[in-house]
Amino acid sequence: MATFTVENLRDDLSFGSNVRGVTWDVLADEDARQRLRDLIKERGLLVFKDMEPTAKMQVALSKVFGPLKD
């Protein structure tokens, strides 16, 4: 199982999380993808830190949350 870490964006906020450790292995793991989908529903805002800074990675991450639109 691919793993990533989640922490509150700020302790005084009831929404938002920092997510670290999202890699290609995480995006290939359906359980991890579902955890990300559940997390966005639960926390409302996700800030991805320390990810590969490429357009290809951004597109792959975006597809976790639904189909892309032009």
Protein backbone atom coordinates (compact mmCIF):
# COMPACT_ATOMS: atom_id res chain seq x y z
CA MET A 1 0.00 0.00 0.00
CA ALA A 2 1.35 3.40 -1.03
CA THR A 3 1.42 5.97 1.75
CA PHE A 4 1.38 9.72 2.18
CA THR A 5 1.14 11.94 5.24
CA VAL A 6 -1.59 14.39 6.20
CA GLU A 7 -1.49 17.20 8.73
CA ASN A 8 -3.88 20.02 9.53
CA LEU A 9 -3.30 23.16 7.52
CA ARG A 10 -3.47 25.05 10.80
CA ASP A 11 -4.50 23.85 14.23
CA ASP A 12 -7.06 26.63 14.60
CA LEU A 13 -8.91 25.76 11.36
CA SER A 14 -11.57 23.08 10.94
CA PHE A 15 -10.72 22.67 7.25
CA GLY A 16 -7.66 22.19 5.08
CA SER A 17 -4.77 19.75 5.15
CA ASN A 18 -1.17 19.63 3.99
CA VAL A 19 -0.48 16.41 2.10
CA ARG A 20 3.09 15.18 1.68
CA GLY A 21 4.54 12.15 -0.02
CA VAL A 22 2.31 11.93 -3.09
CA THR A 23 4.37 10.08 -5.68
CA TRP A 24 3.71 8.07 -8.81
CA ASP A 25 3.36 4.98 -6.60
CA VAL A 26 0.63 6.70 -4.58
CA LEU A 27 -1.22 7.74 -7.73
CA ALA A 28 -1.05 4.18 -9.05
CA ASP A 29 -2.59 2.74 -5.85
CA GLU A 30 -6.42 2.81 -5.97
CA ASP A 31 -6.68 2.65 -2.17
CA ALA A 32 -4.46 5.73 -1.85
CA ARG A 33 -6.44 7.49 -4.58
CA GLN A 34 -9.66 6.79 -2.66
CA ARG A 35 -8.10 8.11 0.55
CA LEU A 36 -7.29 11.37 -1.30
CA ARG A 37 -10.88 11.62 -2.58
CA ASP A 38 -12.23 11.00 0.93
CA LEU A 39 -9.81 13.56 2.35
CA ILE A 40 -10.93 16.34 0.00
CA LYS A 41 -14.57 15.68 0.98
CA GLU A 42 -13.66 15.66 4.66
CA ARG A 43 -11.26 18.64 4.77
CA GLY A 44 -12.36 20.76 1.79
CA LEU A 45 -8.88 22.00 0.86
CA LEU A 46 -5.69 20.05 0.21
CA VAL A 47 -2.26 21.64 -0.18
CA PHE A 48 0.20 19.24 -1.78
CA LYS A 49 3.78 19.74 -0.63
CA ASP A 50 7.06 18.34 -1.93
CA MET A 51 5.59 16.83 -5.09
CA GLU A 52 7.30 16.35 -8.41
CA PRO A 53 6.84 19.77 -10.06
CA THR A 54 5.80 18.64 -13.53
CA ALA A 55 2.73 19.14 -15.66
CA LYS A 56 2.47 15.36 -16.05
CA MET A 57 2.25 14.90 -12.26
CA GLN A 58 -0.30 17.73 -11.96
CA VAL A 59 -2.53 16.12 -14.60
CA ALA A 60 -2.24 12.68 -12.96
CA LEU A 61 -3.14 14.13 -9.55
CA SER A 62 -6.06 16.08 -11.00
CA LYS A 63 -7.46 12.91 -12.57
CA VAL A 64 -7.75 11.40 -9.07
CA PHE A 65 -10.61 13.81 -8.39
CA GLY A 66 -12.46 13.41 -11.68
CA PRO A 67 -12.24 13.78 -15.42
CA LEU A 68 -10.37 16.78 -16.82
CA LYS A 69 -12.23 19.47 -18.70
CA ASP A 70 -10.93 21.72 -21.46
